[in-house]
């Protein structure tokens, strides 16, 4: 099929419609609220779903509350997030995350 047979649209506005975008914010306050929710999601342990007090990461890079992952590791050689084998059961403190929380 030749290139001339395809429709070409040069009008960028035809591709973006704010009313149909997945998330639109009506005000700066709403954006701040959404950003706060997003920030707090990263503060929660994926095992307990609670705010972490002592975040640590496993060798695969996922972060957990220390007590929760310490409870998981004795009975499992896999990552709770991926199900993949962990090369080691070393826990790495996430000091910057702890300070942010």
PDB file of N, CA and C in Angstrom:
ATOM      1  N   UNK A   1       0.856  -1.181   0.000  1.00  0.00           N
ATOM      2  CA  UNK A   1       0.000   0.000   0.000  1.00  0.00           C
ATOM      3  C   UNK A   1       0.892   1.230   0.000  1.00  0.00           C
ATOM      4  N   UNK A   2       0.629   2.150  -0.839  1.00  0.00           N
ATOM      5  CA  UNK A   2       1.444   3.359  -0.963  1.00  0.00           C
ATOM      6  C   UNK A   2       1.147   4.321   0.177  1.00  0.00           C
ATOM      7  N   UNK A   3       2.122   5.145   0.501  1.00  0.00           N
ATOM      8  CA  UNK A   3       1.982   6.100   1.601  1.00  0.00           C
ATOM      9  C   UNK A   3       0.849   7.081   1.344  1.00  0.00           C
ATOM     10  N   UNK A   4       0.589   7.383   0.116  1.00  0.00           N
ATOM     11  CA  UNK A   4      -0.453   8.345  -0.225  1.00  0.00           C
ATOM     12  C   UNK A   4      -1.841   7.816   0.123  1.00  0.00           C
ATOM     13  N   UNK A   5      -1.980   6.520   0.289  1.00  0.00           N
ATOM     14  CA  UNK A   5      -3.287   5.945   0.587  1.00  0.00           C
ATOM     15  C   UNK A   5      -3.656   6.054   2.063  1.00  0.00           C
ATOM     16  N   UNK A   6      -2.693   6.412   2.939  1.00  0.00           N
ATOM     17  CA  UNK A   6      -2.970   6.548   4.372  1.00  0.00           C
ATOM     18  C   UNK A   6      -3.430   7.949   4.691  1.00  0.00           C
ATOM     19  N   UNK A   7      -4.344   8.062   5.647  1.00  0.00           N
ATOM     20  CA  UNK A   7      -4.750   9.378   6.118  1.00  0.00           C
ATOM     21  C   UNK A   7      -3.684   9.911   7.055  1.00  0.00           C
ATOM     22  N   UNK A   8      -3.300  11.145   6.888  1.00  0.00           N
ATOM     23  CA  UNK A   8      -2.306  11.787   7.737  1.00  0.00           C
ATOM     24  C   UNK A   8      -2.963  12.987   8.382  1.00  0.00           C
ATOM     25  N   UNK A   9      -2.850  13.059   9.705  1.00  0.00           N
ATOM     26  CA  UNK A   9      -3.425  14.184  10.434  1.00  0.00           C
ATOM     27  C   UNK A   9      -2.287  14.999  11.009  1.00  0.00           C
ATOM     28  N   UNK A  10      -2.197  16.258  10.630  1.00  0.00           N
ATOM     29  CA  UNK A  10      -1.141  17.132  11.130  1.00  0.00           C
ATOM     30  C   UNK A  10      -1.618  17.969  12.313  1.00  0.00           C
ATOM     31  N   UNK A  11      -2.857  17.876  12.675  1.00  0.00           N
ATOM     32  CA  UNK A  11      -3.433  18.706  13.719  1.00  0.00           C
ATOM     33  C   UNK A  11      -3.249  18.021  15.070  1.00  0.00           C
ATOM     34  N   UNK A  12      -2.294  18.474  15.892  1.00  0.00           N
ATOM     35  CA  UNK A  12      -2.031  17.872  17.198  1.00  0.00           C
ATOM     36  C   UNK A  12      -3.238  17.924  18.122  1.00  0.00           C
ATOM     37  N   UNK A  13      -4.078  18.953  17.982  1.00  0.00           N
ATOM     38  CA  UNK A  13      -5.230  19.090  18.856  1.00  0.00           C
ATOM     39  C   UNK A  13      -6.213  17.938  18.695  1.00  0.00           C
ATOM     40  N   UNK A  14      -6.218  17.289  17.553  1.00  0.00           N
ATOM     41  CA  UNK A  14      -7.155  16.192  17.342  1.00  0.00           C
ATOM     42  C   UNK A  14      -6.793  14.967  18.184  1.00  0.00           C
ATOM     43  N   UNK A  15      -5.551  14.898  18.683  1.00  0.00           N
ATOM     44  CA  UNK A  15      -5.119  13.755  19.468  1.00  0.00           C
ATOM     45  C   UNK A  15      -5.339  13.939  20.963  1.00  0.00           C
ATOM     46  N   UNK A  16      -5.469  15.145  21.435  1.00  0.00           N
ATOM     47  CA  UNK A  16      -5.587  15.400  22.871  1.00  0.00           C
ATOM     48  C   UNK A  16      -6.898  16.083  23.186  1.00  0.00           C
ATOM     49  N   UNK A  17      -7.659  15.432  24.012  1.00  0.00           N
ATOM     50  CA  UNK A  17      -8.914  15.995  24.481  1.00  0.00           C
ATOM     51  C   UNK A  17      -8.909  15.908  25.996  1.00  0.00           C
ATOM     52  N   UNK A  18      -8.668  17.022  26.710  1.00  0.00           N
ATOM     53  CA  UNK A  18      -8.570  16.975  28.170  1.00  0.00           C
ATOM     54  C   UNK A  18      -9.797  16.366  28.841  1.00  0.00           C
ATOM     55  N   UNK A  19     -10.949  16.546  28.255  1.00  0.00           N
ATOM     56  CA  UNK A  19     -12.162  15.995  28.857  1.00  0.00           C
ATOM     57  C   UNK A  19     -12.168  14.479  28.843  1.00  0.00           C
ATOM     58  N   UNK A  20     -11.439  13.880  27.902  1.00  0.00           N
ATOM     59  CA  UNK A  20     -11.397  12.421  27.812  1.00  0.00           C
ATOM     60  C   UNK A  20     -10.094  11.823  28.330  1.00  0.00           C
ATOM     61  N   UNK A  21      -9.233  12.645  28.954  1.00  0.00           N
ATOM     62  CA  UNK A  21      -7.990  12.113  29.488  1.00  0.00           C
ATOM     63  C   UNK A  21      -8.310  11.269  30.723  1.00  0.00           C
ATOM     64  N   UNK A  22      -7.458  10.299  31.052  1.00  0.00           N
ATOM     65  CA  UNK A  22      -7.755   9.399  32.159  1.00  0.00           C
ATOM     66  C   UNK A  22      -7.920  10.109  33.493  1.00  0.00           C
ATOM     67  N   UNK A  23      -7.132  11.131  33.778  1.00  0.00           N
ATOM     68  CA  UNK A  23      -7.252  11.850  35.037  1.00  0.00           C
ATOM     69  C   UNK A  23      -7.074  13.320  34.768  1.00  0.00           C
ATOM     70  N   UNK A  24      -8.117  14.091  35.025  1.00  0.00           N
ATOM     71  CA  UNK A  24      -8.001  15.535  34.905  1.00  0.00           C
ATOM     72  C   UNK A  24      -8.212  16.128  36.287  1.00  0.00           C
ATOM     73  N   UNK A  25      -7.531  17.214  36.559  1.00  0.00           N
ATOM     74  CA  UNK A  25      -7.615  17.860  37.861  1.00  0.00           C
ATOM     75  C   UNK A  25      -8.342  19.181  37.700  1.00  0.00           C
ATOM     76  N   UNK A  26      -9.315  19.385  38.544  1.00  0.00           N
ATOM     77  CA  UNK A  26     -10.116  20.596  38.453  1.00  0.00           C
ATOM     78  C   UNK A  26      -9.457  21.781  39.155  1.00  0.00           C
ATOM     79  N   UNK A  27      -8.512  21.507  40.052  1.00  0.00           N
ATOM     80  CA  UNK A  27      -7.867  22.591  40.778  1.00  0.00           C
ATOM     81  C   UNK A  27      -6.504  22.140  41.275  1.00  0.00           C
ATOM     82  N   UNK A  28      -5.702  23.107  41.691  1.00  0.00           N
ATOM     83  CA  UNK A  28      -4.407  22.781  42.282  1.00  0.00           C
ATOM     84  C   UNK A  28      -4.585  21.976  43.563  1.00  0.00           C
ATOM     85  N   UNK A  29      -5.651  22.266  44.317  1.00  0.00           N
ATOM     86  CA  UNK A  29      -5.909  21.518  45.554  1.00  0.00           C
ATOM     87  C   UNK A  29      -6.156  20.052  45.257  1.00  0.00           C
ATOM     88  N   UNK A  30      -6.902  19.771  44.196  1.00  0.00           N
ATOM     89  CA  UNK A  30      -7.171  18.385  43.832  1.00  0.00           C
ATOM     90  C   UNK A  30      -5.873  17.690  43.415  1.00  0.00           C
ATOM     91  N   UNK A  31      -5.016  18.402  42.679  1.00  0.00           N
ATOM     92  CA  UNK A  31      -3.720  17.833  42.290  1.00  0.00           C
ATOM     93  C   UNK A  31      -2.895  17.517  43.535  1.00  0.00           C
ATOM     94  N   UNK A  32      -2.882  18.440  44.512  1.00  0.00           N
ATOM     95  CA  UNK A  32      -2.134  18.214  45.753  1.00  0.00           C
ATOM     96  C   UNK A  32      -2.668  16.999  46.494  1.00  0.00           C
ATOM     97  N   UNK A  33      -3.985  16.841  46.535  1.00  0.00           N
ATOM     98  CA  UNK A  33      -4.583  15.679  47.199  1.00  0.00           C
ATOM     99  C   UNK A  33      -4.156  14.389  46.507  1.00  0.00           C
ATOM    100  N   UNK A  34      -4.183  14.383  45.187  1.00  0.00           N
ATOM    101  CA  UNK A  34      -3.809  13.186  44.434  1.00  0.00           C
ATOM    102  C   UNK A  34      -2.330  12.862  44.649  1.00  0.00           C
ATOM    103  N   UNK A  35      -1.479  13.880  44.626  1.00  0.00           N
ATOM    104  CA  UNK A  35      -0.050  13.677  44.842  1.00  0.00           C
ATOM    105  C   UNK A  35       0.207  13.126  46.239  1.00  0.00           C
ATOM    106  N   UNK A  36      -0.553  13.575  47.203  1.00  0.00           N
ATOM    107  CA  UNK A  36      -0.404  13.086  48.577  1.00  0.00           C
ATOM    108  C   UNK A  36      -0.778  11.604  48.661  1.00  0.00           C
ATOM    109  N   UNK A  37      -1.832  11.211  47.985  1.00  0.00           N
ATOM    110  CA  UNK A  37      -2.242   9.800  47.955  1.00  0.00           C
ATOM    111  C   UNK A  37      -1.152   8.961  47.309  1.00  0.00           C
ATOM    112  N   UNK A  38      -0.647   9.416  46.165  1.00  0.00           N
ATOM    113  CA  UNK A  38       0.409   8.683  45.471  1.00  0.00           C
ATOM    114  C   UNK A  38       1.633   8.531  46.375  1.00  0.00           C
ATOM    115  N   UNK A  39       2.009   9.593  47.068  1.00  0.00           N
ATOM    116  CA  UNK A  39       3.181   9.561  47.927  1.00  0.00           C
ATOM    117  C   UNK A  39       2.985   8.532  49.041  1.00  0.00           C
ATOM    118  N   UNK A  40       1.843   8.514  49.631  1.00  0.00           N
ATOM    119  CA  UNK A  40       1.596   7.609  50.746  1.00  0.00           C
ATOM    120  C   UNK A  40       1.523   6.152  50.303  1.00  0.00           C
ATOM    121  N   UNK A  41       1.132   5.893  49.069  1.00  0.00           N
ATOM    122  CA  UNK A  41       1.123   4.514  48.593  1.00  0.00           C
ATOM    123  C   UNK A  41       2.523   3.920  48.655  1.00  0.00           C
ATOM    124  N   UNK A  42       3.538   4.700  48.358  1.00  0.00           N
ATOM    125  CA  UNK A  42       4.908   4.197  48.398  1.00  0.00           C
ATOM    126  C   UNK A  42       5.404   4.037  49.828  1.00  0.00           C
ATOM    127  N   UNK A  43       4.688   4.571  50.786  1.00  0.00           N
ATOM    128  CA  UNK A  43       5.056   4.434  52.193  1.00  0.00           C
ATOM    129  C   UNK A  43       4.478   3.164  52.811  1.00  0.00           C
ATOM    130  N   UNK A  44       3.607   2.478  52.091  1.00  0.00           N
ATOM    131  CA  UNK A  44       2.939   1.297  52.624  1.00  0.00           C
ATOM    132  C   UNK A  44       3.641   0.021  52.198  1.00  0.00           C
ATOM    133  N   UNK A  45       3.731  -0.922  53.117  1.00  0.00           N
ATOM    134  CA  UNK A  45       4.327  -2.222  52.829  1.00  0.00           C
ATOM    135  C   UNK A  45       3.351  -3.041  51.989  1.00  0.00           C
ATOM    136  N   UNK A  46       3.819  -3.674  50.916  1.00  0.00           N
ATOM    137  CA  UNK A  46       2.913  -4.482  50.100  1.00  0.00           C
ATOM    138  C   UNK A  46       2.439  -5.759  50.806  1.00  0.00           C
ATOM    139  N   UNK A  47       3.093  -6.150  51.883  1.00  0.00           N
ATOM    140  CA  UNK A  47       2.658  -7.336  52.628  1.00  0.00           C
ATOM    141  C   UNK A  47       1.608  -6.996  53.680  1.00  0.00           C
ATOM    142  N   UNK A  48       1.810  -5.896  54.395  1.00  0.00           N
ATOM    143  CA  UNK A  48       0.885  -5.531  55.473  1.00  0.00           C
ATOM    144  C   UNK A  48      -0.141  -4.487  55.038  1.00  0.00           C
ATOM    145  N   UNK A  49       0.161  -3.777  53.950  1.00  0.00           N
ATOM    146  CA  UNK A  49      -0.648  -2.655  53.452  1.00  0.00           C
ATOM    147  C   UNK A  49      -0.715  -1.508  54.452  1.00  0.00           C
ATOM    148  N   UNK A  50       0.203  -1.511  55.409  1.00  0.00           N
ATOM    149  CA  UNK A  50       0.272  -0.464  56.429  1.00  0.00           C
ATOM    150  C   UNK A  50       1.514   0.382  56.213  1.00  0.00           C
ATOM    151  N   UNK A  51       1.495   1.552  56.800  1.00  0.00           N
ATOM    152  CA  UNK A  51       2.645   2.458  56.721  1.00  0.00           C
ATOM    153  C   UNK A  51       3.862   1.780  57.335  1.00  0.00           C
ATOM    154  N   UNK A  52       4.984   1.849  56.621  1.00  0.00           N
ATOM    155  CA  UNK A  52       6.217   1.226  57.106  1.00  0.00           C
ATOM    156  C   UNK A  52       6.893   2.122  58.137  1.00  0.00           C
ATOM    157  N   UNK A  53       7.453   1.501  59.162  1.00  0.00           N
ATOM    158  CA  UNK A  53       8.231   2.221  60.164  1.00  0.00           C
ATOM    159  C   UNK A  53       9.715   1.935  59.976  1.00  0.00           C
ATOM    160  N   UNK A  54      10.044   0.736  59.491  1.00  0.00           N
ATOM    161  CA  UNK A  54      11.426   0.319  59.286  1.00  0.00           C
ATOM    162  C   UNK A  54      11.540  -0.346  57.913  1.00  0.00           C
ATOM    163  N   UNK A  55      11.511   0.463  56.834  1.00  0.00           N
ATOM    164  CA  UNK A  55      11.539  -0.110  55.489  1.00  0.00           C
ATOM    165  C   UNK A  55      12.901  -0.701  55.137  1.00  0.00           C
ATOM    166  N   UNK A  56      12.864  -1.872  54.533  1.00  0.00           N
ATOM    167  CA  UNK A  56      14.061  -2.541  54.028  1.00  0.00           C
ATOM    168  C   UNK A  56      13.738  -3.090  52.650  1.00  0.00           C
ATOM    169  N   UNK A  57      14.770  -3.262  51.826  1.00  0.00           N
ATOM    170  CA  UNK A  57      14.534  -3.874  50.527  1.00  0.00           C
ATOM    171  C   UNK A  57      15.253  -5.210  50.462  1.00  0.00           C
ATOM    172  N   UNK A  58      14.729  -6.081  49.632  1.00  0.00           N
ATOM    173  CA  UNK A  58      15.366  -7.359  49.366  1.00  0.00           C
ATOM    174  C   UNK A  58      16.304  -7.181  48.179  1.00  0.00           C
ATOM    175  N   UNK A  59      17.075  -8.221  47.865  1.00  0.00           N
ATOM    176  CA  UNK A  59      18.063  -8.100  46.788  1.00  0.00           C
ATOM    177  C   UNK A  59      17.417  -7.863  45.421  1.00  0.00           C
ATOM    178  N   UNK A  60      16.119  -8.130  45.286  1.00  0.00           N
ATOM    179  CA  UNK A  60      15.449  -7.866  44.005  1.00  0.00           C
ATOM    180  C   UNK A  60      14.910  -6.440  43.915  1.00  0.00           C
ATOM    181  N   UNK A  61      15.145  -5.635  44.975  1.00  0.00           N
ATOM    182  CA  UNK A  61      14.798  -4.220  44.927  1.00  0.00           C
ATOM    183  C   UNK A  61      13.440  -3.846  45.483  1.00  0.00           C
ATOM    184  N   UNK A  62      12.625  -4.797  45.875  1.00  0.00           N
ATOM    185  CA  UNK A  62      11.313  -4.472  46.444  1.00  0.00           C
ATOM    186  C   UNK A  62      11.452  -4.120  47.920  1.00  0.00           C
ATOM    187  N   UNK A  63      10.604  -3.203  48.383  1.00  0.00           N
ATOM    188  CA  UNK A  63      10.695  -2.685  49.739  1.00  0.00           C
ATOM    189  C   UNK A  63       9.523  -3.166  50.580  1.00  0.00           C
ATOM    190  N   UNK A  64       9.845  -3.513  51.838  1.00  0.00           N
ATOM    191  CA  UNK A  64       8.863  -4.065  52.776  1.00  0.00           C
ATOM    192  C   UNK A  64       9.127  -3.513  54.171  1.00  0.00           C
ATOM    193  N   UNK A  65       8.150  -3.646  55.038  1.00  0.00           N
ATOM    194  CA  UNK A  65       8.354  -3.419  56.463  1.00  0.00           C
ATOM    195  C   UNK A  65       9.235  -4.556  56.978  1.00  0.00           C
ATOM    196  N   UNK A  66      10.269  -4.219  57.738  1.00  0.00           N
ATOM    197  CA  UNK A  66      11.242  -5.213  58.187  1.00  0.00           C
ATOM    198  C   UNK A  66      10.577  -6.420  58.860  1.00  0.00           C
ATOM    199  N   UNK A  67       9.671  -6.174  59.800  1.00  0.00           N
ATOM    200  CA  UNK A  67       9.068  -7.300  60.524  1.00  0.00           C
ATOM    201  C   UNK A  67       8.269  -8.215  59.593  1.00  0.00           C
ATOM    202  N   UNK A  68       7.635  -7.641  58.588  1.00  0.00           N
ATOM    203  CA  UNK A  68       6.818  -8.447  57.665  1.00  0.00           C
ATOM    204  C   UNK A  68       7.693  -9.337  56.790  1.00  0.00           C
ATOM    205  N   UNK A  69       8.770  -8.789  56.230  1.00  0.00           N
ATOM    206  CA  UNK A  69       9.620  -9.591  55.358  1.00  0.00           C
ATOM    207  C   UNK A  69      10.437 -10.586  56.179  1.00  0.00           C
ATOM    208  N   UNK A  70      10.808 -10.209  57.411  1.00  0.00           N
ATOM    209  CA  UNK A  70      11.516 -11.156  58.281  1.00  0.00           C
ATOM    210  C   UNK A  70      10.630 -12.345  58.636  1.00  0.00           C
ATOM    211  N   UNK A  71       9.344 -12.135  58.681  1.00  0.00           N
ATOM    212  CA  UNK A  71       8.399 -13.227  58.927  1.00  0.00           C
ATOM    213  C   UNK A  71       8.259 -14.121  57.691  1.00  0.00           C
ATOM    214  N   UNK A  72       8.350 -13.526  56.502  1.00  0.00           N
ATOM    215  CA  UNK A  72       8.209 -14.243  55.233  1.00  0.00           C
ATOM    216  C   UNK A  72       9.428 -15.116  54.919  1.00  0.00           C
ATOM    217  N   UNK A  73      10.605 -14.558  55.097  1.00  0.00           N
ATOM    218  CA  UNK A  73      11.827 -15.188  54.601  1.00  0.00           C
ATOM    219  C   UNK A  73      12.179 -16.561  55.181  1.00  0.00           C
ATOM    220  N   UNK A  74      11.947 -16.853  56.454  1.00  0.00           N
ATOM    221  CA  UNK A  74      12.323 -18.176  56.958  1.00  0.00           C
ATOM    222  C   UNK A  74      11.629 -19.332  56.232  1.00  0.00           C
ATOM    223  N   UNK A  75      10.435 -19.113  55.731  1.00  0.00           N
ATOM    224  CA  UNK A  75       9.656 -20.173  55.083  1.00  0.00           C
ATOM    225  C   UNK A  75       9.664 -20.098  53.557  1.00  0.00           C
ATOM    226  N   UNK A  76      10.304 -19.064  52.986  1.00  0.00           N
ATOM    227  CA  UNK A  76      10.272 -18.860  51.537  1.00  0.00           C
ATOM    228  C   UNK A  76      11.640 -18.462  51.006  1.00  0.00           C
ATOM    229  N   UNK A  77      11.969 -18.923  49.827  1.00  0.00           N
ATOM    230  CA  UNK A  77      13.187 -18.516  49.127  1.00  0.00           C
ATOM    231  C   UNK A  77      12.852 -17.611  47.941  1.00  0.00           C
ATOM    232  N   UNK A  78      11.629 -17.134  47.903  1.00  0.00           N
ATOM    233  CA  UNK A  78      11.141 -16.338  46.776  1.00  0.00           C
ATOM    234  C   UNK A  78      10.732 -14.938  47.212  1.00  0.00           C
ATOM    235  N   UNK A  79      10.657 -14.050  46.250  1.00  0.00           N
ATOM    236  CA  UNK A  79      10.173 -12.694  46.487  1.00  0.00           C
ATOM    237  C   UNK A  79       8.657 -12.731  46.634  1.00  0.00           C
ATOM    238  N   UNK A  80       8.115 -12.101  47.663  1.00  0.00           N
ATOM    239  CA  UNK A  80       6.655 -12.053  47.783  1.00  0.00           C
ATOM    240  C   UNK A  80       5.996 -11.255  46.660  1.00  0.00           C
ATOM    241  N   UNK A  81       6.739 -10.357  46.040  1.00  0.00           N
ATOM    242  CA  UNK A  81       6.175  -9.527  44.970  1.00  0.00           C
ATOM    243  C   UNK A  81       6.182 -10.229  43.621  1.00  0.00           C
ATOM    244  N   UNK A  82       7.243 -10.973  43.322  1.00  0.00           N
ATOM    245  CA  UNK A  82       7.375 -11.541  41.980  1.00  0.00           C
ATOM    246  C   UNK A  82       7.252 -13.058  41.952  1.00  0.00           C
ATOM    247  N   UNK A  83       7.476 -13.700  43.091  1.00  0.00           N
ATOM    248  CA  UNK A  83       7.475 -15.158  43.124  1.00  0.00           C
ATOM    249  C   UNK A  83       8.775 -15.764  42.604  1.00  0.00           C
ATOM    250  N   UNK A  84       9.705 -14.913  42.194  1.00  0.00           N
ATOM    251  CA  UNK A  84      10.991 -15.378  41.675  1.00  0.00           C
ATOM    252  C   UNK A  84      11.925 -15.706  42.841  1.00  0.00           C
ATOM    253  N   UNK A  85      12.847 -16.641  42.594  1.00  0.00           N
ATOM    254  CA  UNK A  85      13.834 -16.986  43.613  1.00  0.00           C
ATOM    255  C   UNK A  85      14.682 -15.771  43.963  1.00  0.00           C
ATOM    256  N   UNK A  86      14.951 -15.604  45.263  1.00  0.00           N
ATOM    257  CA  UNK A  86      15.851 -14.560  45.712  1.00  0.00           C
ATOM    258  C   UNK A  86      17.264 -15.126  45.742  1.00  0.00           C
ATOM    259  N   UNK A  87      18.222 -14.374  45.228  1.00  0.00           N
ATOM    260  CA  UNK A  87      19.613 -14.819  45.223  1.00  0.00           C
ATOM    261  C   UNK A  87      20.175 -14.888  46.636  1.00  0.00           C
ATOM    262  N   UNK A  88      19.665 -14.048  47.523  1.00  0.00           N
ATOM    263  CA  UNK A  88      20.092 -14.014  48.925  1.00  0.00           C
ATOM    264  C   UNK A  88      18.937 -13.469  49.753  1.00  0.00           C
ATOM    265  N   UNK A  89      19.001 -13.701  51.044  1.00  0.00           N
ATOM    266  CA  UNK A  89      17.960 -13.194  51.937  1.00  0.00           C
ATOM    267  C   UNK A  89      18.445 -11.961  52.695  1.00  0.00           C
ATOM    268  N   UNK A  90      19.346 -11.246  52.074  1.00  0.00           N
ATOM    269  CA  UNK A  90      19.897 -10.022  52.652  1.00  0.00           C
ATOM    270  C   UNK A  90      18.846  -8.918  52.625  1.00  0.00           C
ATOM    271  N   UNK A  91      18.744  -8.179  53.727  1.00  0.00           N
ATOM    272  CA  UNK A  91      17.837  -7.030  53.802  1.00  0.00           C
ATOM    273  C   UNK A  91      18.673  -5.760  53.851  1.00  0.00           C
ATOM    274  N   UNK A  92      18.276  -4.793  53.048  1.00  0.00           N
ATOM    275  CA  UNK A  92      19.011  -3.540  52.919  1.00  0.00           C
ATOM    276  C   UNK A  92      18.154  -2.414  53.495  1.00  0.00           C
ATOM    277  N   UNK A  93      18.622  -1.739  54.553  1.00  0.00           N
ATOM    278  CA  UNK A  93      17.840  -0.636  55.124  1.00  0.00           C
ATOM    279  C   UNK A  93      17.603   0.472  54.099  1.00  0.00           C
ATOM    280  N   UNK A  94      16.408   1.030  54.122  1.00  0.00           N
ATOM    281  CA  UNK A  94      16.050   2.136  53.230  1.00  0.00           C
ATOM    282  C   UNK A  94      15.936   3.410  54.078  1.00  0.00           C
ATOM    283  N   UNK A  95      17.111   3.944  54.442  1.00  0.00           N
ATOM    284  CA  UNK A  95      17.154   5.079  55.357  1.00  0.00           C
ATOM    285  C   UNK A  95      16.478   6.324  54.804  1.00  0.00           C
ATOM    286  N   UNK A  96      16.675   6.604  53.532  1.00  0.00           N
ATOM    287  CA  UNK A  96      16.050   7.798  52.932  1.00  0.00           C
ATOM    288  C   UNK A  96      14.529   7.670  52.964  1.00  0.00           C
ATOM    289  N   UNK A  97      14.011   6.490  52.668  1.00  0.00           N
ATOM    290  CA  UNK A  97      12.562   6.274  52.721  1.00  0.00           C
ATOM    291  C   UNK A  97      12.067   6.410  54.146  1.00  0.00           C
ATOM    292  N   UNK A  98      12.798   5.871  55.110  1.00  0.00           N
ATOM    293  CA  UNK A  98      12.399   5.979  56.514  1.00  0.00           C
ATOM    294  C   UNK A  98      12.293   7.448  56.917  1.00  0.00           C
ATOM    295  N   UNK A  99      13.248   8.273  56.494  1.00  0.00           N
ATOM    296  CA  UNK A  99      13.210   9.697  56.821  1.00  0.00           C
ATOM    297  C   UNK A  99      12.048  10.394  56.135  1.00  0.00           C
ATOM    298  N   UNK A 100      11.725   9.987  54.917  1.00  0.00           N
ATOM    299  CA  UNK A 100      10.610  10.602  54.201  1.00  0.00           C
ATOM    300  C   UNK A 100       9.269  10.271  54.838  1.00  0.00           C
ATOM    301  N   UNK A 101       9.177   9.073  55.387  1.00  0.00           N
ATOM    302  CA  UNK A 101       7.924   8.639  56.029  1.00  0.00           C
ATOM    303  C   UNK A 101       7.740   9.434  57.299  1.00  0.00           C
TER     304      UNK A 101
END
